[in-house]
């Protein structure tokens, strides 16, 4: 583990670039889902339109 940390300290660019790419991919995926709508539920995963309490007489 110490050798890995020494390697990162000696040359941080590849590790920082990899982390930046992962973060940008997560943001792009979430942004793309927001624009497409992800179906008819809108921004969330669950729609509250047809909740219904099952009320009876």
Protein backbone atom coordinates (compact mmCIF):
# COMPACT_ATOMS: atom_id res chain seq x y z
CA UNK A 1 0.00 0.00 0.00
CA UNK A 2 2.84 2.38 0.81
CA UNK A 3 4.40 1.72 -2.60
CA UNK A 4 1.12 2.60 -4.29
CA UNK A 5 0.87 5.88 -2.39
CA UNK A 6 4.49 6.69 -3.24
CA UNK A 7 3.74 6.02 -6.92
CA UNK A 8 0.69 8.29 -6.83
CA UNK A 9 2.69 11.03 -5.11
CA UNK A 10 5.50 10.72 -7.66
CA UNK A 11 3.19 10.85 -10.71
CA UNK A 12 -0.37 11.94 -9.83
CA UNK A 13 -1.56 12.85 -13.36
CA UNK A 14 -2.76 9.40 -14.55
CA UNK A 15 -4.67 8.78 -11.32
CA UNK A 16 -6.18 12.26 -11.24
CA UNK A 17 -7.18 12.03 -14.89
CA UNK A 18 -8.79 8.64 -14.33
CA UNK A 19 -10.77 9.95 -11.38
CA UNK A 20 -11.87 12.99 -13.38
CA UNK A 21 -13.06 10.77 -16.25
CA UNK A 22 -15.12 8.62 -13.88
CA UNK A 23 -16.74 11.68 -12.30
CA UNK A 24 -17.51 13.20 -15.71
CA UNK A 25 -19.06 9.93 -16.92
CA UNK A 26 -21.33 9.78 -13.86
CA UNK A 27 -22.42 13.39 -14.38
CA UNK A 28 -22.98 12.84 -18.12
CA UNK A 29 -25.07 9.73 -17.45
CA UNK A 30 -27.28 11.52 -14.94
CA UNK A 31 -27.58 14.59 -17.19
CA UNK A 32 -28.58 12.40 -20.15
CA UNK A 33 -31.27 10.66 -18.12
CA UNK A 34 -32.63 14.04 -17.06
CA UNK A 35 -32.97 15.27 -20.62
CA UNK A 36 -34.54 12.05 -21.93
CA UNK A 37 -36.91 11.91 -19.01
CA UNK A 38 -36.37 8.20 -18.32
CA UNK A 39 -39.93 7.33 -19.35
CA UNK A 40 -43.09 9.09 -18.25
CA UNK A 41 -42.16 9.36 -14.58
CA UNK A 42 -40.13 12.55 -15.02
CA UNK A 43 -37.02 13.21 -12.96
CA UNK A 44 -37.64 10.58 -10.29
CA UNK A 45 -37.84 6.82 -10.54
CA UNK A 46 -41.32 6.63 -9.06
CA UNK A 47 -44.47 8.33 -10.21
CA UNK A 48 -46.84 9.68 -7.57
CA UNK A 49 -49.74 10.08 -9.97
CA UNK A 50 -51.48 6.76 -9.30
CA UNK A 51 -50.82 6.34 -5.60
CA UNK A 52 -54.36 5.36 -4.55
CA UNK A 53 -55.06 4.35 -0.95
CA UNK A 54 -57.35 1.45 -1.80
CA UNK A 55 -60.16 3.01 0.20
CA UNK A 56 -63.39 1.06 0.50
CA UNK A 57 -66.87 1.73 1.76
